[in-house]
């Protein structure tokens, strides 16, 4: 795990990947960071109580203990290295924005579902637009250049 953190940090400096996730005192070390962070995304071990889960596929399925949403998107079918980083960065951004803005009293409990829905739509549309320009040579960076267009 430590070796992967160094490689990932050199690839995308904005990612925070603590090199001690497999350390025997990882919880204590990570806890020191929590007050400074808005959103923390944790990988596959997250699928426990009160979690929001997303299954990627032809139709993304997002659910928690009380709600399920199916998102039918049209992407390109082309996947590129780094696309997961675009996904994670997008959902973290949308979740942070929803936590900071209390504009919708009715949707307070569904903010993680809404963030995952917004991410799904954004990433698939960025994928579709980038693929239409670059075809099979499309990269995840090409997708990020489409974010402004998708928001417009």
Protein backbone atom coordinates (compact mmCIF):
# COMPACT_ATOMS: atom_id res chain seq x y z
CA UNK A 1 0.00 0.00 0.00
CA UNK A 2 2.86 2.42 0.82
CA UNK A 3 4.44 1.93 -2.61
CA UNK A 4 1.12 2.63 -4.36
CA UNK A 5 0.65 5.89 -2.44
CA UNK A 6 3.93 7.26 -3.78
CA UNK A 7 3.10 6.32 -7.37
CA UNK A 8 -0.41 7.80 -7.15
CA UNK A 9 0.83 11.02 -5.53
CA UNK A 10 3.39 11.51 -8.30
CA UNK A 11 0.72 10.92 -10.95
CA UNK A 12 -1.88 13.33 -9.53
CA UNK A 13 -0.48 15.58 -6.76
CA UNK A 14 -3.96 16.71 -5.62
CA UNK A 15 -4.87 13.24 -4.36
CA UNK A 16 -4.28 12.56 -0.70
CA UNK A 17 -3.28 8.93 -0.27
CA UNK A 18 -1.89 8.35 3.21
CA UNK A 19 1.00 5.87 2.96
CA UNK A 20 0.03 4.21 6.24
CA UNK A 21 -3.39 2.72 5.47
CA UNK A 22 -2.01 -0.73 6.21
CA UNK A 23 -0.23 0.44 9.37
CA UNK A 24 -1.42 -1.20 12.61
CA UNK A 25 -2.34 2.25 14.00
CA UNK A 26 -3.88 3.56 10.76
CA UNK A 27 -7.10 4.72 12.46
CA UNK A 28 -5.20 6.89 14.93
CA UNK A 29 -3.02 8.39 12.19
CA UNK A 30 -5.97 9.08 9.86
CA UNK A 31 -8.10 10.55 12.65
CA UNK A 32 -5.66 13.47 12.90
CA UNK A 33 -6.57 14.48 9.33
CA UNK A 34 -10.35 14.31 9.63
CA UNK A 35 -10.93 17.79 11.05
CA UNK A 36 -9.18 19.30 8.02
CA UNK A 37 -11.20 17.43 5.38
CA UNK A 38 -14.65 18.01 3.92
CA UNK A 39 -15.14 14.58 2.38
CA UNK A 40 -13.37 11.26 2.81
CA UNK A 41 -13.86 8.50 0.23
CA UNK A 42 -12.93 5.01 1.31
CA UNK A 43 -12.64 2.06 -1.06
CA UNK A 44 -14.27 -1.38 -1.13
CA UNK A 45 -14.43 -1.88 2.63
CA UNK A 46 -17.04 0.88 2.85
CA UNK A 47 -20.00 -1.42 2.06
CA UNK A 48 -21.34 -1.58 5.60
CA UNK A 49 -24.02 0.24 7.66
CA UNK A 50 -25.52 3.51 6.33
CA UNK A 51 -23.26 3.61 3.27
CA UNK A 52 -24.15 4.86 -0.20
CA UNK A 53 -23.16 2.28 -2.79
CA UNK A 54 -22.82 2.74 -6.55
CA UNK A 55 -22.70 -0.03 -9.13
CA UNK A 56 -21.31 1.17 -12.47
CA UNK A 57 -22.76 -0.37 -15.60
CA UNK A 58 -24.94 0.33 -18.64
CA UNK A 59 -27.30 1.83 -16.06
CA UNK A 60 -25.61 2.98 -12.85
CA UNK A 61 -27.42 1.91 -9.69
CA UNK A 62 -26.98 4.06 -6.60
CA UNK A 63 -28.53 3.05 -3.30
CA UNK A 64 -28.41 3.28 0.46
CA UNK A 65 -30.53 1.64 3.15
CA UNK A 66 -33.70 3.49 2.11
CA UNK A 67 -33.43 4.68 -1.50
CA UNK A 68 -32.37 3.28 -4.88
CA UNK A 69 -31.77 5.35 -8.01
CA UNK A 70 -31.10 4.03 -11.50
CA UNK A 71 -29.19 6.38 -13.82
CA UNK A 72 -29.34 5.57 -17.52
CA UNK A 73 -26.39 7.28 -19.21
CA UNK A 74 -24.92 7.25 -22.66
CA UNK A 75 -21.13 7.26 -22.59
CA UNK A 76 -18.74 5.93 -25.20
CA UNK A 77 -17.96 2.48 -23.93
CA UNK A 78 -14.28 3.53 -23.95
CA UNK A 79 -12.57 3.44 -20.56
CA UNK A 80 -9.18 4.97 -19.94
CA UNK A 81 -6.69 4.96 -17.11
CA UNK A 82 -7.51 7.75 -14.68
CA UNK A 83 -11.24 7.73 -15.36
CA UNK A 84 -11.83 6.43 -11.83
CA UNK A 85 -9.97 9.47 -10.53
CA UNK A 86 -12.37 11.71 -12.46
CA UNK A 87 -15.29 9.78 -10.94
CA UNK A 88 -13.97 10.00 -7.36
CA UNK A 89 -13.01 13.66 -7.66
CA UNK A 90 -16.42 14.52 -9.09
CA UNK A 91 -18.45 12.70 -6.46
CA UNK A 92 -16.29 14.19 -3.68
CA UNK A 93 -16.80 17.69 -5.11
CA UNK A 94 -20.57 17.26 -5.46
CA UNK A 95 -20.86 15.80 -1.96
CA UNK A 96 -18.80 18.63 -0.46
CA UNK A 97 -20.98 21.22 -2.21
CA UNK A 98 -24.16 19.55 -0.99
CA UNK A 99 -22.86 19.41 2.58
CA UNK A 100 -21.89 23.09 2.50
CA UNK A 101 -25.18 24.29 0.99
CA UNK A 102 -28.40 23.54 2.82
CA UNK A 103 -30.69 24.72 0.03
CA UNK A 104 -33.01 21.71 0.08
CA UNK A 105 -34.47 20.70 3.44
CA UNK A 106 -36.27 17.70 1.92
CA UNK A 107 -33.07 16.19 0.50
CA UNK A 108 -30.71 16.48 3.49
CA UNK A 109 -30.60 12.71 4.02
CA UNK A 110 -30.16 12.00 0.31
CA UNK A 111 -27.13 14.22 -0.36
CA UNK A 112 -24.77 11.30 -1.03
CA UNK A 113 -27.26 9.81 -3.51
CA UNK A 114 -27.63 13.21 -5.23
CA UNK A 115 -23.84 13.62 -5.39
CA UNK A 116 -23.42 10.16 -6.95
CA UNK A 117 -26.24 10.91 -9.43
CA UNK A 118 -24.60 14.22 -10.47
CA UNK A 119 -21.21 12.49 -10.82
CA UNK A 120 -22.70 9.76 -12.96
CA UNK A 121 -24.27 12.23 -15.37
CA UNK A 122 -21.15 14.43 -15.50
CA UNK A 123 -18.61 11.64 -16.06
CA UNK A 124 -20.66 9.83 -18.70
CA UNK A 125 -21.29 13.04 -20.65
CA UNK A 126 -17.62 14.09 -20.42
CA UNK A 127 -16.71 10.60 -21.64
CA UNK A 128 -19.14 10.83 -24.57
CA UNK A 129 -17.90 14.28 -25.67
CA UNK A 130 -14.21 13.42 -25.34
CA UNK A 131 -14.70 10.18 -27.28
CA UNK A 132 -16.50 12.07 -30.07
CA UNK A 133 -13.37 14.24 -30.47
CA UNK A 134 -10.53 11.78 -29.87
CA UNK A 135 -12.00 8.33 -30.47
CA UNK A 136 -10.00 5.40 -29.12
CA UNK A 137 -7.05 7.68 -28.28
CA UNK A 138 -9.17 9.50 -25.67
CA UNK A 139 -7.63 9.83 -22.20
CA UNK A 140 -9.07 10.81 -18.83
CA UNK A 141 -7.43 14.22 -19.23
CA UNK A 142 -9.48 14.73 -22.41
CA UNK A 143 -12.57 14.06 -20.31
CA UNK A 144 -11.65 16.74 -17.77
CA UNK A 145 -11.43 19.30 -20.59
CA UNK A 146 -15.14 18.65 -21.25
CA UNK A 147 -16.34 19.51 -17.71
CA UNK A 148 -17.00 23.17 -18.55
CA UNK A 149 -18.93 22.22 -21.69
CA UNK A 150 -21.10 19.76 -19.76
CA UNK A 151 -21.89 22.35 -17.08
CA UNK A 152 -22.87 24.91 -19.73
